[in-house]
Protein backbone atom coordinates (compact mmCIF):
# COMPACT_ATOMS: atom_id res chain seq x y z
CA MET A 1 0.00 0.00 0.00
CA VAL A 2 2.77 2.41 0.98
CA LEU A 3 4.87 1.49 -2.06
CA GLY A 4 1.81 1.89 -4.29
CA MET A 5 1.19 5.41 -3.00
CA LYS A 6 4.85 6.26 -3.48
CA PHE A 7 4.72 4.94 -7.04
CA THR A 8 1.68 7.12 -7.75
CA ARG A 9 3.31 10.23 -6.25
CA GLN A 10 6.42 9.69 -8.33
CA TYR A 11 4.55 9.57 -11.63
CA ILE A 12 2.28 12.48 -10.70
CA SER A 13 5.38 14.54 -9.94
CA ILE A 14 6.93 13.55 -13.26
CA ALA A 15 3.69 14.33 -15.14
CA LEU A 16 3.50 17.81 -13.58
CA GLY A 17 7.13 18.33 -14.47
CA VAL A 18 6.50 17.36 -18.08
CA VAL A 19 3.65 19.88 -18.41
CA SER A 20 5.73 22.65 -16.80
CA ALA A 21 8.74 21.99 -19.03
CA ALA A 22 6.60 21.84 -22.18
CA PHE A 23 4.91 25.11 -21.23
CA GLY A 24 8.27 26.79 -20.68
CA MET A 25 9.52 25.62 -24.06
CA GLU A 26 6.50 26.41 -26.22
CA SER A 27 5.28 29.59 -24.55
CA PHE A 28 8.65 31.26 -23.92
CA LEU A 29 11.80 29.63 -25.34
CA LEU A 30 10.91 28.35 -28.82
CA PRO A 31 9.15 31.52 -30.09
CA ASN A 32 12.18 33.60 -29.04
CA SER A 33 14.88 31.22 -30.32
CA PHE A 34 16.30 30.58 -26.85
CA ILE A 35 17.78 27.30 -25.67
CA ASP A 36 18.73 25.69 -22.39
CA GLY A 37 21.76 23.60 -21.46
CA GLY A 38 22.17 19.84 -21.77
CA ILE A 39 20.34 17.51 -24.11
CA THR A 40 17.29 19.79 -23.98
CA GLY A 41 19.42 22.68 -25.23
CA ILE A 42 20.95 20.58 -28.00
CA SER A 43 17.45 19.47 -29.07
CA LEU A 44 16.17 23.05 -29.11
CA LEU A 45 19.22 24.12 -31.13
CA LEU A 46 18.84 21.31 -33.66
CA ASP A 47 15.14 22.12 -33.98
CA LYS A 48 16.13 25.63 -35.11
CA ILE A 49 18.71 24.64 -37.71
CA THR A 50 17.31 21.44 -39.26
CA PRO A 51 14.50 20.98 -41.81
CA PRO A 52 10.92 21.05 -40.40
CA PHE A 53 10.41 17.28 -40.66
CA TRP A 54 13.08 16.85 -37.95
CA SER A 55 11.04 17.92 -34.93
CA LEU A 56 12.04 18.92 -31.41
CA GLN A 57 10.19 15.87 -30.11
CA PHE A 58 12.28 13.58 -32.31
CA PHE A 59 15.56 15.02 -31.03
CA LEU A 60 14.45 14.89 -27.37
CA VAL A 61 13.76 11.17 -27.62
CA ILE A 62 16.63 10.08 -29.89
CA LEU A 63 19.37 12.03 -28.11
CA ASN A 64 18.28 10.80 -24.68
CA ILE A 65 18.14 7.09 -25.59
CA PRO A 66 21.89 6.44 -24.95
CA PHE A 67 21.62 8.09 -21.54
CA ILE A 68 18.55 6.05 -20.62
CA ILE A 69 20.57 2.91 -21.40
CA LEU A 70 23.44 4.31 -19.32
CA ALA A 71 21.02 5.02 -16.47
CA LEU A 72 19.75 1.45 -16.65
CA ARG A 73 23.27 0.12 -16.20
CA GLN A 74 24.61 2.67 -13.70
CA ILE A 75 21.64 3.69 -11.54
CA GLY A 76 18.87 1.12 -11.88
CA LYS A 77 15.87 -0.16 -13.79
CA GLY A 78 13.29 1.91 -11.90
CA PHE A 79 15.14 5.18 -12.53
CA ALA A 80 15.63 4.33 -16.22
CA LEU A 81 11.94 3.47 -16.68
CA ARG A 82 10.80 6.69 -15.00
CA THR A 83 13.22 8.67 -17.15
CA LEU A 84 11.93 6.95 -20.31
CA PHE A 85 8.37 7.73 -19.25
CA ALA A 86 9.25 11.38 -18.59
CA ILE A 87 10.97 11.91 -21.94
CA LEU A 88 8.28 10.14 -23.98
CA ALA A 89 5.57 12.05 -22.11
CA LEU A 90 7.35 15.34 -22.84
CA ALA A 91 7.52 14.50 -26.54
CA LEU A 92 3.82 13.60 -26.60
CA VAL A 93 2.76 16.76 -24.74
CA LEU A 94 4.78 18.92 -27.14
CA THR A 95 3.13 17.10 -30.07
CA PHE A 96 -0.50 17.18 -29.02
CA ILE A 97 -0.88 20.22 -26.76
CA ASP A 98 -0.52 23.74 -28.13
CA PHE A 99 0.58 26.18 -25.47
CA PRO A 100 -0.06 29.87 -26.20
CA LEU A 101 2.70 32.39 -26.75
CA VAL A 102 2.92 34.39 -23.52
CA THR A 103 5.41 37.13 -24.39
CA LYS A 104 7.87 38.25 -27.05
CA ASP A 105 9.83 40.31 -24.54
CA LYS A 106 13.25 38.65 -24.59
CA LEU A 107 14.10 39.22 -20.94
CA LEU A 108 10.73 37.96 -19.68
CA ALA A 109 10.87 34.98 -22.03
CA SER A 110 14.37 34.10 -20.84
CA VAL A 111 13.54 34.38 -17.14
CA PHE A 112 10.14 32.67 -17.14
CA GLY A 113 11.10 30.12 -19.76
CA GLY A 114 13.99 29.10 -17.52
CA PHE A 115 11.74 29.08 -14.48
CA PHE A 116 9.09 26.75 -15.94
CA LEU A 117 11.67 24.50 -17.59
CA GLY A 118 13.66 24.29 -14.35
CA ALA A 119 10.51 23.57 -12.36
CA GLY A 120 9.70 20.76 -14.76
CA ILE A 121 13.15 19.21 -14.47
CA GLY A 122 13.07 19.59 -10.68
CA LEU A 123 9.67 17.90 -10.39
CA ALA A 124 10.89 15.04 -12.57
CA ILE A 125 13.93 14.57 -10.31
CA ARG A 126 11.66 14.56 -7.25
CA GLY A 127 9.68 11.82 -8.99
CA GLY A 128 12.81 9.70 -9.33
CA GLY A 129 13.61 10.40 -13.00
CA VAL A 130 15.04 13.12 -15.24
CA LEU A 131 13.93 14.98 -18.35
CA ASP A 132 17.50 15.42 -19.56
CA GLY A 133 20.17 12.74 -19.81
CA THR A 134 23.06 15.14 -19.24
CA GLU A 135 23.10 14.59 -15.47
CA VAL A 136 23.21 10.81 -15.93
CA PHE A 137 26.21 11.21 -18.22
CA ALA A 138 27.86 13.66 -15.81
CA VAL A 139 27.49 11.25 -12.87
CA TYR A 140 28.98 8.46 -14.98
CA VAL A 141 31.95 10.57 -16.15
CA SER A 142 32.64 11.90 -12.64
CA ARG A 143 33.05 8.33 -11.40
CA ASN A 144 35.83 7.69 -13.90
CA ILE A 145 37.77 10.98 -13.90
CA SER A 146 38.65 13.61 -11.32
CA LEU A 147 36.01 16.13 -12.46
CA SER A 148 32.91 16.67 -10.33
CA VAL A 149 29.35 16.36 -11.64
CA SER A 150 28.95 20.13 -11.82
CA ASP A 151 32.29 20.47 -13.68
CA VAL A 152 31.17 18.00 -16.35
CA ILE A 153 27.80 19.70 -16.79
CA MET A 154 29.47 23.11 -17.01
CA LEU A 155 31.89 21.95 -19.72
CA ILE A 156 29.05 20.45 -21.76
CA ASN A 157 27.02 23.64 -21.52
CA VAL A 158 29.96 25.89 -22.41
CA VAL A 159 30.27 24.01 -25.71
CA ILE A 160 26.51 24.21 -26.33
CA PHE A 161 26.33 27.96 -25.75
CA LEU A 162 29.41 28.62 -27.89
CA VAL A 163 27.78 26.74 -30.75
CA ALA A 164 24.53 28.64 -30.14
CA ALA A 165 26.42 31.94 -30.39
CA MET A 166 27.85 30.93 -33.77
CA ILE A 167 24.64 29.47 -35.23
CA LEU A 168 21.92 31.68 -33.76
CA SER A 169 23.45 34.93 -32.51
CA VAL A 170 25.51 36.19 -29.60
CA GLU A 171 22.39 37.87 -28.19
CA SER A 172 20.38 34.63 -28.29
CA ALA A 173 23.27 32.77 -26.68
CA LEU A 174 23.49 35.33 -23.87
CA TYR A 175 19.75 35.14 -23.20
CA SER A 176 20.03 31.34 -23.33
CA ILE A 177 22.73 31.43 -20.65
CA LEU A 178 20.36 33.48 -18.50
CA THR A 179 17.65 30.87 -19.16
CA TYR A 180 20.04 28.13 -18.06
CA LEU A 181 21.00 29.97 -14.86
CA ILE A 182 17.35 30.58 -13.94
CA ALA A 183 16.50 26.95 -14.69
CA SER A 184 19.40 25.73 -12.53
CA LYS A 185 18.36 27.82 -9.53
CA THR A 186 14.74 26.72 -9.94
CA ILE A 187 15.80 23.07 -10.01
CA ASP A 188 17.71 23.55 -6.75
CA PHE A 189 14.68 25.22 -5.19
CA ILE A 190 12.21 22.54 -6.33
CA ILE A 191 14.28 19.68 -4.99
CA ASN A 192 14.93 21.47 -1.69
CA GLY A 193 18.51 22.46 -2.36
CA ILE A 194 19.87 18.96 -2.90
CA GLU A 195 23.48 19.27 -4.07
CA GLU A 196 25.59 16.89 -6.11
CA TYR A 197 26.17 14.59 -3.16
CA THR A 198 23.79 13.88 -0.32
CA GLU A 199 24.41 12.17 3.00
CA VAL A 200 21.71 9.70 3.93
CA THR A 201 21.40 8.54 7.55
CA ILE A 202 19.29 5.45 8.19
CA ILE A 203 17.99 4.16 11.54
CA THR A 204 16.28 0.83 11.08
CA ALA A 205 15.25 -2.27 12.96
CA SER A 206 17.06 -4.32 10.28
CA PRO A 207 20.54 -2.74 10.11
CA VAL A 208 22.30 -5.89 8.87
CA GLU A 209 19.90 -6.35 5.94
CA VAL A 210 20.06 -2.66 5.00
CA ARG A 211 23.87 -2.63 5.24
CA ASN A 212 24.12 -5.71 3.02
CA MET A 213 21.73 -4.15 0.52
CA ILE A 214 23.79 -0.93 0.33
CA THR A 215 27.20 -2.60 0.07
CA GLU A 216 26.38 -5.76 -1.90
CA LYS A 217 23.35 -4.90 -4.05
CA LEU A 218 23.99 -1.21 -4.72
CA GLY A 219 27.76 -1.24 -4.35
CA TRP A 220 27.98 1.90 -2.20
CA GLY A 221 30.08 2.59 0.85
CA VAL A 222 28.45 2.77 4.26
CA THR A 223 29.55 3.86 7.73
CA ILE A 224 28.00 2.40 10.89
CA TYR A 225 27.70 4.37 14.12
CA SER A 226 26.80 2.92 17.49
CA GLY A 227 24.07 4.84 19.28
CA LYS A 228 21.20 4.70 21.73
CA SER A 229 17.56 5.52 21.44
CA GLY A 230 16.74 8.67 23.41
CA TYR A 231 13.36 7.18 24.31
CA ASN A 232 14.31 3.87 25.93
CA LEU A 233 18.16 3.90 25.72
CA LYS A 234 18.06 0.85 23.47
CA GLU A 235 21.34 0.13 21.68
CA LEU A 236 21.11 0.64 17.93
CA GLU A 237 23.22 0.89 14.79
CA ILE A 238 23.04 4.04 12.65
CA LEU A 239 23.96 3.68 8.99
CA SER A 240 25.32 6.55 6.90
CA THR A 241 26.08 6.61 3.15
CA ILE A 242 26.99 9.27 0.58
CA ILE A 243 25.16 9.18 -2.77
CA THR A 244 24.20 11.49 -5.64
CA ARG A 245 20.78 13.11 -5.78
CA LEU A 246 19.80 10.88 -8.71
CA GLU A 247 20.21 7.82 -6.47
CA ILE A 248 18.10 8.99 -3.52
CA ALA A 249 14.80 7.62 -4.83
CA LYS A 250 16.37 4.21 -5.50
CA LEU A 251 17.91 4.00 -2.01
CA LYS A 252 14.65 4.97 -0.28
CA SER A 253 12.76 2.37 -2.30
CA GLU A 254 15.27 -0.37 -1.41
CA VAL A 255 15.22 0.55 2.29
CA SER A 256 11.39 0.60 2.32
CA SER A 257 11.32 -2.89 0.83
CA ILE A 258 13.31 -4.09 3.88
CA ASP A 259 11.87 -1.87 6.62
CA VAL A 260 8.93 0.36 5.71
CA GLU A 261 9.23 2.16 9.07
CA ALA A 262 12.95 2.97 8.74
CA PHE A 263 13.88 6.51 9.78
CA ILE A 264 15.75 8.16 6.88
CA ILE A 265 17.47 11.56 7.04
CA THR A 266 18.99 13.29 4.00
CA GLN A 267 21.19 16.36 4.09
CA SER A 268 23.08 18.30 1.45
CA ILE A 269 26.86 18.14 1.25
CA LYS A 270 28.65 21.01 -0.44
CA ASP A 271 32.07 19.39 -0.61
CA ILE A 272 33.68 16.03 0.13
CA ARG A 273 37.19 14.66 -0.16
CA GLY A 274 38.54 11.13 0.14
CA GLY A 275 36.72 8.04 1.30
CA MET A 276 34.79 5.57 -0.83
CA VAL A 277 32.31 7.97 -2.42
CA LYS A 278 32.36 6.77 -5.97
CA LYS A 279 30.52 3.55 -6.61
CA ARG A 280 32.76 0.52 -6.49
CA PRO A 281 32.38 -2.23 -9.12
CA LEU A 282 30.24 -5.20 -8.16
CA HIS A 283 31.50 -8.71 -8.75
């Protein structure tokens, strides 16, 4: 029952995110030739420079397919399926729903286009998926080289906006950068300020099972603290692990399947060094 309600909330959140992102694109960004960063930005850019029969919807789906496959291998089946649902739903909404043009004012279009697009992406992340495969790629790359997730995303977007400046115009590229910044801040706001890495503390009646699940099934590091309940002074084990924000939904789902009453605390981490943060290979 609890898992069913969680499943419903996830897909409602993703659906709301899809509508918000589609509204931001059609009512603000597309009419003013603005783009965003990531795969969404590349799709918007290609939509502007290719023949009409190559639609935005086509690019959104095709360009994200490799990252959905990567998500399936690196993060999990549930996340990949929710991401596939989100991207296909976005393509369908853009195809069958006509959103009105709200404004031709470039500054307003840039700000509010970024806001609604960012809100859509943030809601999709809260639902356990993404509307853009760039973050999946960035997490994967950061596990294999010394760059952080934000560094990888920044490098990708620098290239996109440079290309936009050459193909569209410098003015459009500058407004697009503003759109991207607004979208990024909105995403952070929607998902309650979750940063690249998040510490998750778990207090459960089944610490051994949860620890085995984290280390053996998910392949993440975990630290165990010895503590006492403040209510009855009962000895207990407190588990702590560091994960990316894309992996939070998966961890909560796995913990709930073991102990639905487990007490889970998440908190943002602005910087970490050392330790076993990056996912180790499973054998």
